[in-house]
C-alpha cells in the first residue's frame, strides 16, 4: 500500500512540474519584446513638419514601429533596404533615436518621398525591398515594402530619369 501512495505522489509531482515548466516557457514567449512594423504613405502632422523643417504638404513614407508585448526595447536605427543590397538609414524620427519604447508605444520614421526618389534615381536601376528597424541588442525586424508602394516609387523614379 505505501508503494502505491508513493507512486501516485511521484506521478502527481512529475505532472505538476511538467505543467509548471510549460507555463513558464509560454509566459517567457508571450512577454518577450516584440515589434510590429507598418509602412504607409501620407503626410506629416503639421507640428512635426514645421519642427523638422518640412512643409505640411510634403509627401512622406511612414515606417511605424509599435512595441507589442511586455518589457521595453530600444530602437537604434531604421530605414529601407534595396533590391540591389544597399541600405538607406533614415534619421527623421519622432521621438529621436535611440528611442526606448515601452508597451504599446510607437516610433515613426518620416521618409520624405521626394528625397527617396532622388536617391533611388542616382543609385541606378533598383527598387525598395524591405523596411527595417534595428534594436540596441542587435536584432533586426523587417517588413517587405507593399507592392503598390514599390510600383509607385518606381514610376516616380522613371519619370525623374526621363525628365533629365
C-alpha atoms as a PDB file:
ATOM      1  CA  UNK A   1       0.000   0.000   0.000  1.00  0.00           C
ATOM      2  CA  UNK A   2       2.756   2.585   0.818  1.00  0.00           C
ATOM      3  CA  UNK A   3       4.360   1.854  -2.596  1.00  0.00           C
ATOM      4  CA  UNK A   4       1.112   2.756  -4.373  1.00  0.00           C
ATOM      5  CA  UNK A   5       0.817   6.056  -2.461  1.00  0.00           C
ATOM      6  CA  UNK A   6       4.462   6.883  -3.251  1.00  0.00           C
ATOM      7  CA  UNK A   7       3.926   6.126  -6.937  1.00  0.00           C
ATOM      8  CA  UNK A   8       0.800   8.304  -7.063  1.00  0.00           C
ATOM      9  CA  UNK A   9       2.605  11.191  -5.328  1.00  0.00           C
ATOM     10  CA  UNK A  10       5.596  10.842  -7.680  1.00  0.00           C
ATOM     11  CA  UNK A  11       3.316  10.854 -10.726  1.00  0.00           C
ATOM     12  CA  UNK A  12       1.409  13.885  -9.398  1.00  0.00           C
ATOM     13  CA  UNK A  13       4.684  15.768  -8.733  1.00  0.00           C
ATOM     14  CA  UNK A  14       6.016  14.985 -12.207  1.00  0.00           C
ATOM     15  CA  UNK A  15       2.752  16.135 -13.800  1.00  0.00           C
ATOM     16  CA  UNK A  16       2.696  19.429 -11.869  1.00  0.00           C
ATOM     17  CA  UNK A  17       6.376  20.050 -12.615  1.00  0.00           C
ATOM     18  CA  UNK A  18       5.857  19.497 -16.338  1.00  0.00           C
ATOM     19  CA  UNK A  19       2.793  21.749 -16.468  1.00  0.00           C
ATOM     20  CA  UNK A  20       4.648  24.444 -14.493  1.00  0.00           C
ATOM     21  CA  UNK A  21       7.636  24.302 -16.837  1.00  0.00           C
ATOM     22  CA  UNK A  22       5.363  24.582 -19.895  1.00  0.00           C
ATOM     23  CA  UNK A  23       3.501  27.553 -18.424  1.00  0.00           C
ATOM     24  CA  UNK A  24       6.785  29.262 -17.563  1.00  0.00           C
ATOM     25  CA  UNK A  25       8.011  28.736 -21.135  1.00  0.00           C
ATOM     26  CA  UNK A  26       4.790  30.141 -22.580  1.00  0.00           C
ATOM     27  CA  UNK A  27       4.947  33.162 -20.279  1.00  0.00           C
ATOM     28  CA  UNK A  28       8.534  33.817 -21.391  1.00  0.00           C
ATOM     29  CA  UNK A  29       7.422  33.571 -25.044  1.00  0.00           C
ATOM     30  CA  UNK A  30       4.483  35.956 -24.570  1.00  0.00           C
ATOM     31  CA  UNK A  31       6.456  38.501 -22.513  1.00  0.00           C
ATOM     32  CA  UNK A  32       9.387  38.855 -24.893  1.00  0.00           C
ATOM     33  CA  UNK A  33       9.706  42.243 -26.576  1.00  0.00           C
ATOM     34  CA  UNK A  34       8.026  42.197 -29.964  1.00  0.00           C
ATOM     35  CA  UNK A  35       7.889  44.877 -32.627  1.00  0.00           C
ATOM     36  CA  UNK A  36       5.253  45.412 -35.293  1.00  0.00           C
ATOM     37  CA  UNK A  37       6.221  47.349 -38.418  1.00  0.00           C
ATOM     38  CA  UNK A  38       3.828  49.111 -40.774  1.00  0.00           C
ATOM     39  CA  UNK A  39       4.638  51.015 -43.959  1.00  0.00           C
ATOM     40  CA  UNK A  40       2.234  53.716 -45.121  1.00  0.00           C
ATOM     41  CA  UNK A  41       2.057  56.638 -47.494  1.00  0.00           C
ATOM     42  CA  UNK A  42       0.877  60.006 -46.264  1.00  0.00           C
ATOM     43  CA  UNK A  43       1.711  63.423 -44.879  1.00  0.00           C
ATOM     44  CA  UNK A  44       3.471  64.623 -41.738  1.00  0.00           C
ATOM     45  CA  UNK A  45       1.420  66.094 -38.943  1.00  0.00           C
ATOM     46  CA  UNK A  46       1.631  69.887 -39.246  1.00  0.00           C
ATOM     47  CA  UNK A  47       3.514  70.487 -35.966  1.00  0.00           C
ATOM     48  CA  UNK A  48       6.036  67.737 -36.707  1.00  0.00           C
ATOM     49  CA  UNK A  49       6.610  69.037 -40.234  1.00  0.00           C
ATOM     50  CA  UNK A  50       7.295  72.573 -39.007  1.00  0.00           C
ATOM     51  CA  UNK A  51       9.624  71.266 -36.281  1.00  0.00           C
ATOM     52  CA  UNK A  52      11.646  69.226 -38.799  1.00  0.00           C
ATOM     53  CA  UNK A  53      11.681  71.990 -41.425  1.00  0.00           C
ATOM     54  CA  UNK A  54       9.255  70.483 -43.935  1.00  0.00           C
ATOM     55  CA  UNK A  55       6.038  71.792 -45.386  1.00  0.00           C
ATOM     56  CA  UNK A  56       2.927  70.061 -44.088  1.00  0.00           C
ATOM     57  CA  UNK A  57       2.040  69.281 -47.708  1.00  0.00           C
ATOM     58  CA  UNK A  58       5.268  67.327 -48.380  1.00  0.00           C
ATOM     59  CA  UNK A  59       4.501  63.690 -49.087  1.00  0.00           C
ATOM     60  CA  UNK A  60       6.274  61.184 -46.862  1.00  0.00           C
ATOM     61  CA  UNK A  61       6.526  57.451 -46.443  1.00  0.00           C
ATOM     62  CA  UNK A  62       5.917  56.414 -42.856  1.00  0.00           C
ATOM     63  CA  UNK A  63       7.517  53.457 -41.131  1.00  0.00           C
ATOM     64  CA  UNK A  64       5.651  52.910 -37.864  1.00  0.00           C
ATOM     65  CA  UNK A  65       7.324  50.714 -35.248  1.00  0.00           C
ATOM     66  CA  UNK A  66       4.960  49.686 -32.461  1.00  0.00           C
ATOM     67  CA  UNK A  67       6.087  47.860 -29.323  1.00  0.00           C
ATOM     68  CA  UNK A  68       3.934  44.801 -28.640  1.00  0.00           C
ATOM     69  CA  UNK A  69       4.303  42.547 -25.629  1.00  0.00           C
ATOM     70  CA  UNK A  70       5.853  43.319 -22.284  1.00  0.00           C
ATOM     71  CA  UNK A  71       9.278  44.660 -21.485  1.00  0.00           C
ATOM     72  CA  UNK A  72      10.985  47.555 -23.178  1.00  0.00           C
ATOM     73  CA  UNK A  73      13.164  47.728 -26.257  1.00  0.00           C
ATOM     74  CA  UNK A  74      15.453  50.458 -27.581  1.00  0.00           C
ATOM     75  CA  UNK A  75      15.338  51.240 -31.307  1.00  0.00           C
ATOM     76  CA  UNK A  76      18.750  52.178 -32.634  1.00  0.00           C
ATOM     77  CA  UNK A  77      18.122  52.769 -36.352  1.00  0.00           C
ATOM     78  CA  UNK A  78      15.803  52.068 -39.228  1.00  0.00           C
ATOM     79  CA  UNK A  79      15.244  52.626 -42.904  1.00  0.00           C
ATOM     80  CA  UNK A  80      14.903  50.790 -46.199  1.00  0.00           C
ATOM     81  CA  UNK A  81      16.946  48.121 -47.926  1.00  0.00           C
ATOM     82  CA  UNK A  82      17.000  47.987 -51.694  1.00  0.00           C
ATOM     83  CA  UNK A  83      16.916  45.033 -54.086  1.00  0.00           C
ATOM     84  CA  UNK A  84      20.495  45.925 -55.046  1.00  0.00           C
ATOM     85  CA  UNK A  85      21.585  45.202 -51.471  1.00  0.00           C
ATOM     86  CA  UNK A  86      22.204  48.824 -50.461  1.00  0.00           C
ATOM     87  CA  UNK A  87      20.786  50.129 -47.213  1.00  0.00           C
ATOM     88  CA  UNK A  88      19.393  53.575 -46.550  1.00  0.00           C
ATOM     89  CA  UNK A  89      19.488  54.597 -42.889  1.00  0.00           C
ATOM     90  CA  UNK A  90      16.867  57.155 -42.071  1.00  0.00           C
ATOM     91  CA  UNK A  91      17.192  59.533 -39.170  1.00  0.00           C
ATOM     92  CA  UNK A  92      13.990  61.579 -39.257  1.00  0.00           C
ATOM     93  CA  UNK A  93      12.051  60.091 -36.371  1.00  0.00           C
ATOM     94  CA  UNK A  94       9.715  61.028 -33.582  1.00  0.00           C
ATOM     95  CA  UNK A  95      10.904  60.530 -30.879  1.00  0.00           C
ATOM     96  CA  UNK A  96      14.620  60.936 -31.768  1.00  0.00           C
ATOM     97  CA  UNK A  97      16.918  57.889 -31.894  1.00  0.00           C
ATOM     98  CA  UNK A  98      17.879  55.927 -29.896  1.00  0.00           C
ATOM     99  CA  UNK A  99      14.341  55.634 -28.588  1.00  0.00           C
ATOM    100  CA  UNK A 100      13.264  53.386 -25.731  1.00  0.00           C
ATOM    101  CA  UNK A 101       9.776  52.002 -26.340  1.00  0.00           C
ATOM    102  CA  UNK A 102       7.610  50.634 -23.535  1.00  0.00           C
ATOM    103  CA  UNK A 103       4.486  48.560 -24.087  1.00  0.00           C
ATOM    104  CA  UNK A 104       2.188  49.918 -26.859  1.00  0.00           C
ATOM    105  CA  UNK A 105       4.438  52.894 -27.633  1.00  0.00           C
ATOM    106  CA  UNK A 106       5.120  53.893 -31.238  1.00  0.00           C
ATOM    107  CA  UNK A 107       8.090  55.290 -33.118  1.00  0.00           C
ATOM    108  CA  UNK A 108       7.575  56.813 -36.566  1.00  0.00           C
ATOM    109  CA  UNK A 109      10.212  57.209 -39.258  1.00  0.00           C
ATOM    110  CA  UNK A 110       9.302  60.025 -41.666  1.00  0.00           C
ATOM    111  CA  UNK A 111      10.898  59.486 -45.071  1.00  0.00           C
ATOM    112  CA  UNK A 112      10.491  62.432 -47.464  1.00  0.00           C
ATOM    113  CA  UNK A 113       9.199  60.865 -50.654  1.00  0.00           C
ATOM    114  CA  UNK A 114      10.960  63.319 -52.975  1.00  0.00           C
ATOM    115  CA  UNK A 115      14.332  62.729 -51.310  1.00  0.00           C
ATOM    116  CA  UNK A 116      13.928  58.976 -51.544  1.00  0.00           C
ATOM    117  CA  UNK A 117      13.005  59.193 -55.242  1.00  0.00           C
ATOM    118  CA  UNK A 118      16.081  61.370 -55.899  1.00  0.00           C
ATOM    119  CA  UNK A 119      18.362  58.885 -54.097  1.00  0.00           C
ATOM    120  CA  UNK A 120      16.910  55.942 -55.994  1.00  0.00           C
ATOM    121  CA  UNK A 121      17.316  57.821 -59.269  1.00  0.00           C
ATOM    122  CA  UNK A 122      21.005  58.402 -58.519  1.00  0.00           C
ATOM    123  CA  UNK A 123      21.730  54.829 -57.442  1.00  0.00           C
ATOM    124  CA  UNK A 124      20.845  53.098 -60.701  1.00  0.00           C
ATOM    125  CA  UNK A 125      18.043  50.656 -61.522  1.00  0.00           C
ATOM    126  CA  UNK A 126      16.816  49.436 -58.161  1.00  0.00           C
ATOM    127  CA  UNK A 127      13.682  49.492 -56.050  1.00  0.00           C
ATOM    128  CA  UNK A 128      12.657  49.280 -52.412  1.00  0.00           C
ATOM    129  CA  UNK A 129      12.743  45.819 -50.886  1.00  0.00           C
ATOM    130  CA  UNK A 130      12.199  45.962 -47.125  1.00  0.00           C
ATOM    131  CA  UNK A 131      11.629  48.404 -44.307  1.00  0.00           C
ATOM    132  CA  UNK A 132      13.631  47.589 -41.187  1.00  0.00           C
ATOM    133  CA  UNK A 133      14.444  48.707 -37.671  1.00  0.00           C
ATOM    134  CA  UNK A 134      17.398  47.648 -35.532  1.00  0.00           C
ATOM    135  CA  UNK A 135      17.409  47.393 -31.769  1.00  0.00           C
ATOM    136  CA  UNK A 136      20.364  48.002 -29.465  1.00  0.00           C
ATOM    137  CA  UNK A 137      20.596  44.275 -28.692  1.00  0.00           C
ATOM    138  CA  UNK A 138      21.437  43.618 -32.361  1.00  0.00           C
ATOM    139  CA  UNK A 139      18.094  42.226 -33.528  1.00  0.00           C
ATOM    140  CA  UNK A 140      16.607  43.421 -36.801  1.00  0.00           C
ATOM    141  CA  UNK A 141      12.899  43.394 -37.611  1.00  0.00           C
ATOM    142  CA  UNK A 142      11.984  43.658 -41.297  1.00  0.00           C
ATOM    143  CA  UNK A 143       8.831  44.059 -43.341  1.00  0.00           C
ATOM    144  CA  UNK A 144       8.515  43.709 -47.094  1.00  0.00           C
ATOM    145  CA  UNK A 145       7.504  47.009 -48.676  1.00  0.00           C
ATOM    146  CA  UNK A 146       3.991  46.675 -50.172  1.00  0.00           C
ATOM    147  CA  UNK A 147       3.961  46.104 -53.917  1.00  0.00           C
ATOM    148  CA  UNK A 148       1.737  49.125 -54.602  1.00  0.00           C
ATOM    149  CA  UNK A 149       4.300  51.394 -52.939  1.00  0.00           C
ATOM    150  CA  UNK A 150       7.194  49.795 -54.817  1.00  0.00           C
ATOM    151  CA  UNK A 151       5.413  50.384 -58.132  1.00  0.00           C
ATOM    152  CA  UNK A 152       4.506  53.985 -57.255  1.00  0.00           C
ATOM    153  CA  UNK A 153       8.112  54.824 -56.330  1.00  0.00           C
ATOM    154  CA  UNK A 154       9.395  53.065 -59.484  1.00  0.00           C
ATOM    155  CA  UNK A 155       7.052  55.228 -61.634  1.00  0.00           C
ATOM    156  CA  UNK A 156       8.303  58.400 -59.935  1.00  0.00           C
ATOM    157  CA  UNK A 157      11.956  57.398 -60.387  1.00  0.00           C
ATOM    158  CA  UNK A 158      11.334  56.574 -64.044  1.00  0.00           C
ATOM    159  CA  UNK A 159       9.612  59.944 -64.546  1.00  0.00           C
ATOM    160  CA  UNK A 160      12.529  61.726 -62.880  1.00  0.00           C
ATOM    161  CA  UNK A 161      15.067  59.975 -65.122  1.00  0.00           C
ATOM    162  CA  UNK A 162      13.072  60.810 -68.267  1.00  0.00           C
ATOM    163  CA  UNK A 163      12.820  64.468 -67.237  1.00  0.00           C
ATOM    164  CA  UNK A 164      16.622  64.734 -67.064  1.00  0.00           C
END
